[in-house]
PDB file of N, CA and C in Angstrom:
ATOM      1  N   MET A   1      69.225   9.439 -53.979  1.00  0.00           N
ATOM      2  CA  MET A   1      68.392  10.290 -53.162  1.00  0.00           C
ATOM      3  C   MET A   1      67.839  11.416 -54.030  1.00  0.00           C
ATOM      4  N   GLU A   2      66.567  11.606 -54.012  1.00  0.00           N
ATOM      5  CA  GLU A   2      65.915  12.619 -54.840  1.00  0.00           C
ATOM      6  C   GLU A   2      65.667  13.886 -54.028  1.00  0.00           C
ATOM      7  N   THR A   3      65.950  15.054 -54.647  1.00  0.00           N
ATOM      8  CA  THR A   3      65.704  16.318 -53.964  1.00  0.00           C
ATOM      9  C   THR A   3      64.401  16.918 -54.470  1.00  0.00           C
ATOM     10  N   ARG A   4      63.808  17.746 -53.653  1.00  0.00           N
ATOM     11  CA  ARG A   4      62.566  18.416 -54.024  1.00  0.00           C
ATOM     12  C   ARG A   4      62.902  19.685 -54.770  1.00  0.00           C
ATOM     13  N   ARG A   5      62.614  19.736 -56.050  1.00  0.00           N
ATOM     14  CA  ARG A   5      62.935  20.894 -56.866  1.00  0.00           C
ATOM     15  C   ARG A   5      62.029  22.086 -56.578  1.00  0.00           C
ATOM     16  N   ALA A   6      60.892  21.868 -55.940  1.00  0.00           N
ATOM     17  CA  ALA A   6      60.010  22.991 -55.607  1.00  0.00           C
ATOM     18  C   ALA A   6      60.714  23.983 -54.684  1.00  0.00           C
ATOM     19  N   GLU A   7      61.683  23.500 -53.935  1.00  0.00           N
ATOM     20  CA  GLU A   7      62.404  24.365 -53.012  1.00  0.00           C
ATOM     21  C   GLU A   7      63.680  24.917 -53.628  1.00  0.00           C
ATOM     22  N   THR A   8      63.932  24.633 -54.888  1.00  0.00           N
ATOM     23  CA  THR A   8      65.142  25.114 -55.536  1.00  0.00           C
ATOM     24  C   THR A   8      64.777  25.795 -56.851  1.00  0.00           C
ATOM     25  N   PRO A   9      64.148  26.970 -56.768  1.00  0.00           N
ATOM     26  CA  PRO A   9      63.686  27.633 -57.973  1.00  0.00           C
ATOM     27  C   PRO A   9      64.789  27.926 -58.984  1.00  0.00           C
ATOM     28  N   SER A  10      66.000  28.147 -58.533  1.00  0.00           N
ATOM     29  CA  SER A  10      67.077  28.454 -59.462  1.00  0.00           C
ATOM     30  C   SER A  10      67.894  27.219 -59.808  1.00  0.00           C
ATOM     31  N   GLY A  11      67.491  26.064 -59.323  1.00  0.00           N
ATOM     32  CA  GLY A  11      68.235  24.848 -59.592  1.00  0.00           C
ATOM     33  C   GLY A  11      69.443  24.680 -58.679  1.00  0.00           C
ATOM     34  N   GLY A  12      69.546  25.491 -57.619  1.00  0.00           N
ATOM     35  CA  GLY A  12      70.666  25.417 -56.683  1.00  0.00           C
ATOM     36  C   GLY A  12      70.406  24.419 -55.583  1.00  0.00           C
ATOM     37  N   LEU A  13      70.973  24.700 -54.426  1.00  0.00           N
ATOM     38  CA  LEU A  13      70.785  23.828 -53.266  1.00  0.00           C
ATOM     39  C   LEU A  13      69.335  23.829 -52.803  1.00  0.00           C
ATOM     40  N   PRO A  14      68.853  22.686 -52.342  1.00  0.00           N
ATOM     41  CA  PRO A  14      67.548  22.701 -51.683  1.00  0.00           C
ATOM     42  C   PRO A  14      67.623  23.598 -50.447  1.00  0.00           C
ATOM     43  N   MET A  15      66.519  24.253 -50.105  1.00  0.00           N
ATOM     44  CA  MET A  15      66.487  25.181 -48.971  1.00  0.00           C
ATOM     45  C   MET A  15      66.968  24.505 -47.685  1.00  0.00           C
ATOM     46  N   ALA A  16      66.515  23.296 -47.435  1.00  0.00           N
ATOM     47  CA  ALA A  16      66.899  22.605 -46.205  1.00  0.00           C
ATOM     48  C   ALA A  16      68.410  22.368 -46.161  1.00  0.00           C
ATOM     49  N   THR A  17      69.004  22.068 -47.292  1.00  0.00           N
ATOM     50  CA  THR A  17      70.452  21.860 -47.354  1.00  0.00           C
ATOM     51  C   THR A  17      71.195  23.155 -47.094  1.00  0.00           C
ATOM     52  N   GLY A  18      70.706  24.255 -47.654  1.00  0.00           N
ATOM     53  CA  GLY A  18      71.317  25.558 -47.416  1.00  0.00           C
ATOM     54  C   GLY A  18      71.264  25.948 -45.949  1.00  0.00           C
ATOM     55  N   ARG A  19      70.122  25.702 -45.324  1.00  0.00           N
ATOM     56  CA  ARG A  19      69.985  26.003 -43.889  1.00  0.00           C
ATOM     57  C   ARG A  19      70.928  25.147 -43.052  1.00  0.00           C
ATOM     58  N   GLU A  20      71.015  23.864 -43.402  1.00  0.00           N
ATOM     59  CA  GLU A  20      71.900  22.959 -42.667  1.00  0.00           C
ATOM     60  C   GLU A  20      73.363  23.387 -42.833  1.00  0.00           C
ATOM     61  N   LEU A  21      73.742  23.761 -44.037  1.00  0.00           N
ATOM     62  CA  LEU A  21      75.102  24.218 -44.285  1.00  0.00           C
ATOM     63  C   LEU A  21      75.396  25.501 -43.509  1.00  0.00           C
ATOM     64  N   SER A  22      74.436  26.413 -43.459  1.00  0.00           N
ATOM     65  CA  SER A  22      74.606  27.647 -42.697  1.00  0.00           C
ATOM     66  C   SER A  22      74.811  27.344 -41.213  1.00  0.00           C
ATOM     67  N   ARG A  23      74.032  26.416 -40.671  1.00  0.00           N
ATOM     68  CA  ARG A  23      74.197  26.025 -39.264  1.00  0.00           C
ATOM     69  C   ARG A  23      75.574  25.396 -39.022  1.00  0.00           C
ATOM     70  N   LEU A  24      76.023  24.568 -39.965  1.00  0.00           N
ATOM     71  CA  LEU A  24      77.332  23.933 -39.830  1.00  0.00           C
ATOM     72  C   LEU A  24      78.443  24.979 -39.822  1.00  0.00           C
ATOM     73  N   VAL A  25      78.364  25.947 -40.726  1.00  0.00           N
ATOM     74  CA  VAL A  25      79.366  27.011 -40.779  1.00  0.00           C
ATOM     75  C   VAL A  25      79.341  27.824 -39.484  1.00  0.00           C
ATOM     76  N   ALA A  26      78.141  28.098 -38.961  1.00  0.00           N
ATOM     77  CA  ALA A  26      78.025  28.829 -37.695  1.00  0.00           C
ATOM     78  C   ALA A  26      78.686  28.044 -36.555  1.00  0.00           C
ATOM     79  N   GLU A  27      78.502  26.740 -36.540  1.00  0.00           N
ATOM     80  CA  GLU A  27      79.124  25.906 -35.513  1.00  0.00           C
ATOM     81  C   GLU A  27      80.641  25.917 -35.645  1.00  0.00           C
ATOM     82  N   LEU A  28      81.140  25.853 -36.876  1.00  0.00           N
ATOM     83  CA  LEU A  28      82.581  25.915 -37.093  1.00  0.00           C
ATOM     84  C   LEU A  28      83.154  27.237 -36.594  1.00  0.00           C
ATOM     85  N   ARG A  29      82.467  28.332 -36.919  1.00  0.00           N
ATOM     86  CA  ARG A  29      82.922  29.646 -36.453  1.00  0.00           C
ATOM     87  C   ARG A  29      82.928  29.702 -34.934  1.00  0.00           C
ATOM     88  N   ALA A  30      81.851  29.245 -34.322  1.00  0.00           N
ATOM     89  CA  ALA A  30      81.717  29.315 -32.867  1.00  0.00           C
ATOM     90  C   ALA A  30      82.748  28.444 -32.154  1.00  0.00           C
ATOM     91  N   SER A  31      83.178  27.369 -32.794  1.00  0.00           N
ATOM     92  CA  SER A  31      84.143  26.465 -32.158  1.00  0.00           C
ATOM     93  C   SER A  31      85.508  27.125 -31.998  1.00  0.00           C
ATOM     94  N   GLY A  32      85.826  28.068 -32.865  1.00  0.00           N
ATOM     95  CA  GLY A  32      87.119  28.736 -32.795  1.00  0.00           C
ATOM     96  C   GLY A  32      88.293  27.852 -33.175  1.00  0.00           C
ATOM     97  N   SER A  33      88.008  26.669 -33.709  1.00  0.00           N
ATOM     98  CA  SER A  33      89.079  25.729 -34.020  1.00  0.00           C
ATOM     99  C   SER A  33      89.839  26.066 -35.310  1.00  0.00           C
ATOM    100  N   HIS A  34      89.324  27.007 -36.075  1.00  0.00           N
ATOM    101  CA  HIS A  34      89.985  27.425 -37.317  1.00  0.00           C
ATOM    102  C   HIS A  34      89.998  28.954 -37.397  1.00  0.00           C
ATOM    103  N   PRO A  35      90.733  29.611 -36.506  1.00  0.00           N
ATOM    104  CA  PRO A  35      90.699  31.075 -36.451  1.00  0.00           C
ATOM    105  C   PRO A  35      91.125  31.757 -37.746  1.00  0.00           C
ATOM    106  N   GLY A  36      91.993  31.127 -38.505  1.00  0.00           N
ATOM    107  CA  GLY A  36      92.435  31.713 -39.772  1.00  0.00           C
ATOM    108  C   GLY A  36      91.354  31.724 -40.838  1.00  0.00           C
ATOM    109  N   LEU A  37      90.300  30.961 -40.625  1.00  0.00           N
ATOM    110  CA  LEU A  37      89.210  30.879 -41.595  1.00  0.00           C
ATOM    111  C   LEU A  37      87.953  31.615 -41.143  1.00  0.00           C
ATOM    112  N   ASP A  38      88.021  32.310 -40.019  1.00  0.00           N
ATOM    113  CA  ASP A  38      86.828  32.967 -39.481  1.00  0.00           C
ATOM    114  C   ASP A  38      86.188  33.911 -40.488  1.00  0.00           C
ATOM    115  N   SER A  39      86.989  34.719 -41.166  1.00  0.00           N
ATOM    116  CA  SER A  39      86.416  35.669 -42.134  1.00  0.00           C
ATOM    117  C   SER A  39      85.800  34.930 -43.321  1.00  0.00           C
ATOM    118  N   VAL A  40      86.368  33.791 -43.688  1.00  0.00           N
ATOM    119  CA  VAL A  40      85.805  32.986 -44.777  1.00  0.00           C
ATOM    120  C   VAL A  40      84.471  32.403 -44.336  1.00  0.00           C
ATOM    121  N   PHE A  41      84.431  31.849 -43.123  1.00  0.00           N
ATOM    122  CA  PHE A  41      83.177  31.307 -42.591  1.00  0.00           C
ATOM    123  C   PHE A  41      82.111  32.394 -42.508  1.00  0.00           C
ATOM    124  N   GLU A  42      82.521  33.580 -42.065  1.00  0.00           N
ATOM    125  CA  GLU A  42      81.584  34.694 -41.949  1.00  0.00           C
ATOM    126  C   GLU A  42      80.978  35.038 -43.315  1.00  0.00           C
ATOM    127  N   GLU A  43      81.800  35.091 -44.337  1.00  0.00           N
ATOM    128  CA  GLU A  43      81.323  35.408 -45.685  1.00  0.00           C
ATOM    129  C   GLU A  43      80.411  34.308 -46.224  1.00  0.00           C
ATOM    130  N   ILE A  44      80.789  33.063 -46.004  1.00  0.00           N
ATOM    131  CA  ILE A  44      79.953  31.940 -46.444  1.00  0.00           C
ATOM    132  C   ILE A  44      78.587  32.009 -45.772  1.00  0.00           C
ATOM    133  N   GLN A  45      78.605  32.239 -44.470  1.00  0.00           N
ATOM    134  CA  GLN A  45      77.346  32.303 -43.719  1.00  0.00           C
ATOM    135  C   GLN A  45      76.476  33.455 -44.210  1.00  0.00           C
ATOM    136  N   TYR A  46      77.086  34.610 -44.454  1.00  0.00           N
ATOM    137  CA  TYR A  46      76.342  35.767 -44.955  1.00  0.00           C
ATOM    138  C   TYR A  46      75.712  35.455 -46.323  1.00  0.00           C
ATOM    139  N   GLU A  47      76.499  34.881 -47.221  1.00  0.00           N
ATOM    140  CA  GLU A  47      75.987  34.565 -48.561  1.00  0.00           C
ATOM    141  C   GLU A  47      74.856  33.544 -48.500  1.00  0.00           C
ATOM    142  N   LEU A  48      75.028  32.517 -47.703  1.00  0.00           N
ATOM    143  CA  LEU A  48      73.979  31.507 -47.565  1.00  0.00           C
ATOM    144  C   LEU A  48      72.703  32.114 -46.990  1.00  0.00           C
ATOM    145  N   ASP A  49      72.841  32.866 -45.892  1.00  0.00           N
ATOM    146  CA  ASP A  49      71.671  33.449 -45.252  1.00  0.00           C
ATOM    147  C   ASP A  49      70.966  34.448 -46.162  1.00  0.00           C
ATOM    148  N   SER A  50      71.737  35.247 -46.900  1.00  0.00           N
ATOM    149  CA  SER A  50      71.143  36.212 -47.835  1.00  0.00           C
ATOM    150  C   SER A  50      70.399  35.499 -48.952  1.00  0.00           C
ATOM    151  N   SER A  51      70.987  34.438 -49.469  1.00  0.00           N
ATOM    152  CA  SER A  51      70.348  33.674 -50.546  1.00  0.00           C
ATOM    153  C   SER A  51      69.069  33.006 -50.066  1.00  0.00           C
ATOM    154  N   ILE A  52      69.114  32.435 -48.871  1.00  0.00           N
ATOM    155  CA  ILE A  52      67.929  31.787 -48.308  1.00  0.00           C
ATOM    156  C   ILE A  52      66.820  32.813 -48.109  1.00  0.00           C
ATOM    157  N   GLU A  53      67.166  33.956 -47.552  1.00  0.00           N
ATOM    158  CA  GLU A  53      66.176  35.018 -47.339  1.00  0.00           C
ATOM    159  C   GLU A  53      65.569  35.471 -48.665  1.00  0.00           C
ATOM    160  N   PHE A  54      66.397  35.641 -49.684  1.00  0.00           N
ATOM    161  CA  PHE A  54      65.915  36.067 -50.993  1.00  0.00           C
ATOM    162  C   PHE A  54      64.927  35.056 -51.570  1.00  0.00           C
ATOM    163  N   VAL A  55      65.278  33.778 -51.525  1.00  0.00           N
ATOM    164  CA  VAL A  55      64.406  32.736 -52.075  1.00  0.00           C
ATOM    165  C   VAL A  55      63.105  32.673 -51.292  1.00  0.00           C
ATOM    166  N   GLU A  56      63.181  32.784 -49.967  1.00  0.00           N
ATOM    167  CA  GLU A  56      61.961  32.768 -49.158  1.00  0.00           C
ATOM    168  C   GLU A  56      61.045  33.931 -49.527  1.00  0.00           C
ATOM    169  N   GLU A  57      61.613  35.115 -49.761  1.00  0.00           N
ATOM    170  CA  GLU A  57      60.815  36.272 -50.171  1.00  0.00           C
ATOM    171  C   GLU A  57      60.167  36.021 -51.532  1.00  0.00           C
ATOM    172  N   GLN A  58      60.915  35.426 -52.438  1.00  0.00           N
ATOM    173  CA  GLN A  58      60.367  35.127 -53.756  1.00  0.00           C
ATOM    174  C   GLN A  58      59.230  34.119 -53.665  1.00  0.00           C
ATOM    175  N   LEU A  59      59.403  33.115 -52.831  1.00  0.00           N
ATOM    176  CA  LEU A  59      58.365  32.101 -52.669  1.00  0.00           C
ATOM    177  C   LEU A  59      57.102  32.670 -52.031  1.00  0.00           C
ATOM    178  N   ARG A  60      57.272  33.698 -51.175  1.00  0.00           N
ATOM    179  CA  ARG A  60      56.117  34.364 -50.565  1.00  0.00           C
ATOM    180  C   ARG A  60      55.503  35.389 -51.507  1.00  0.00           C
ATOM    181  N   GLY A  61      56.172  35.665 -52.613  1.00  0.00           N
ATOM    182  CA  GLY A  61      55.658  36.634 -53.572  1.00  0.00           C
ATOM    183  C   GLY A  61      55.966  38.066 -53.218  1.00  0.00           C
ATOM    184  N   GLU A  62      56.921  38.271 -52.314  1.00  0.00           N
ATOM    185  CA  GLU A  62      57.290  39.627 -51.942  1.00  0.00           C
ATOM    186  C   GLU A  62      58.170  40.228 -53.025  1.00  0.00           C
ATOM    187  N   CYS A  63      58.177  41.537 -53.070  1.00  0.00           N
ATOM    188  CA  CYS A  63      58.979  42.232 -54.059  1.00  0.00           C
ATOM    189  C   CYS A  63      60.450  42.006 -53.753  1.00  0.00           C
ATOM    190  N   GLY A  64      61.195  41.671 -54.746  1.00  0.00           N
ATOM    191  CA  GLY A  64      62.638  41.458 -54.574  1.00  0.00           C
ATOM    192  C   GLY A  64      63.375  41.856 -55.827  1.00  0.00           C
ATOM    193  N   PHE A  65      64.583  41.425 -55.968  1.00  0.00           N
ATOM    194  CA  PHE A  65      65.416  41.755 -57.110  1.00  0.00           C
ATOM    195  C   PHE A  65      64.706  41.400 -58.405  1.00  0.00           C
ATOM    196  N   GLY A  66      64.649  42.346 -59.311  1.00  0.00           N
ATOM    197  CA  GLY A  66      64.042  42.091 -60.606  1.00  0.00           C
ATOM    198  C   GLY A  66      62.520  42.105 -60.627  1.00  0.00           C
ATOM    199  N   ARG A  67      61.907  42.454 -59.516  1.00  0.00           N
ATOM    200  CA  ARG A  67      60.448  42.476 -59.454  1.00  0.00           C
ATOM    201  C   ARG A  67      59.989  43.882 -59.121  1.00  0.00           C
ATOM    202  N   ARG A  68      58.842  44.225 -59.613  1.00  0.00           N
ATOM    203  CA  ARG A  68      58.286  45.544 -59.345  1.00  0.00           C
ATOM    204  C   ARG A  68      57.002  45.401 -58.550  1.00  0.00           C
ATOM    205  N   PRO A  69      56.777  46.301 -57.606  1.00  0.00           N
ATOM    206  CA  PRO A  69      55.523  46.241 -56.842  1.00  0.00           C
ATOM    207  C   PRO A  69      54.339  46.490 -57.759  1.00  0.00           C
ATOM    208  N   HIS A  70      53.198  45.902 -57.434  1.00  0.00           N
ATOM    209  CA  HIS A  70      51.978  46.067 -58.253  1.00  0.00           C
ATOM    210  C   HIS A  70      51.230  47.289 -57.845  1.00  0.00           C
TER     211      HIS A  70
END
């Protein structure tokens, strides 16, 4: 299976995979079936969502980490 590298500027997960993983983690948290892992799920979800937001901003050309406004 070939992934689209246009959506993975840093060579990481494809954007669609990151979004799917974030949704899966959210479902796991909401299920309450692993209460001892809730804080871990929360951190994973935060990191994924922050990374996705950052990449989306970069793809739109918005100012972000390491970039200066023109």
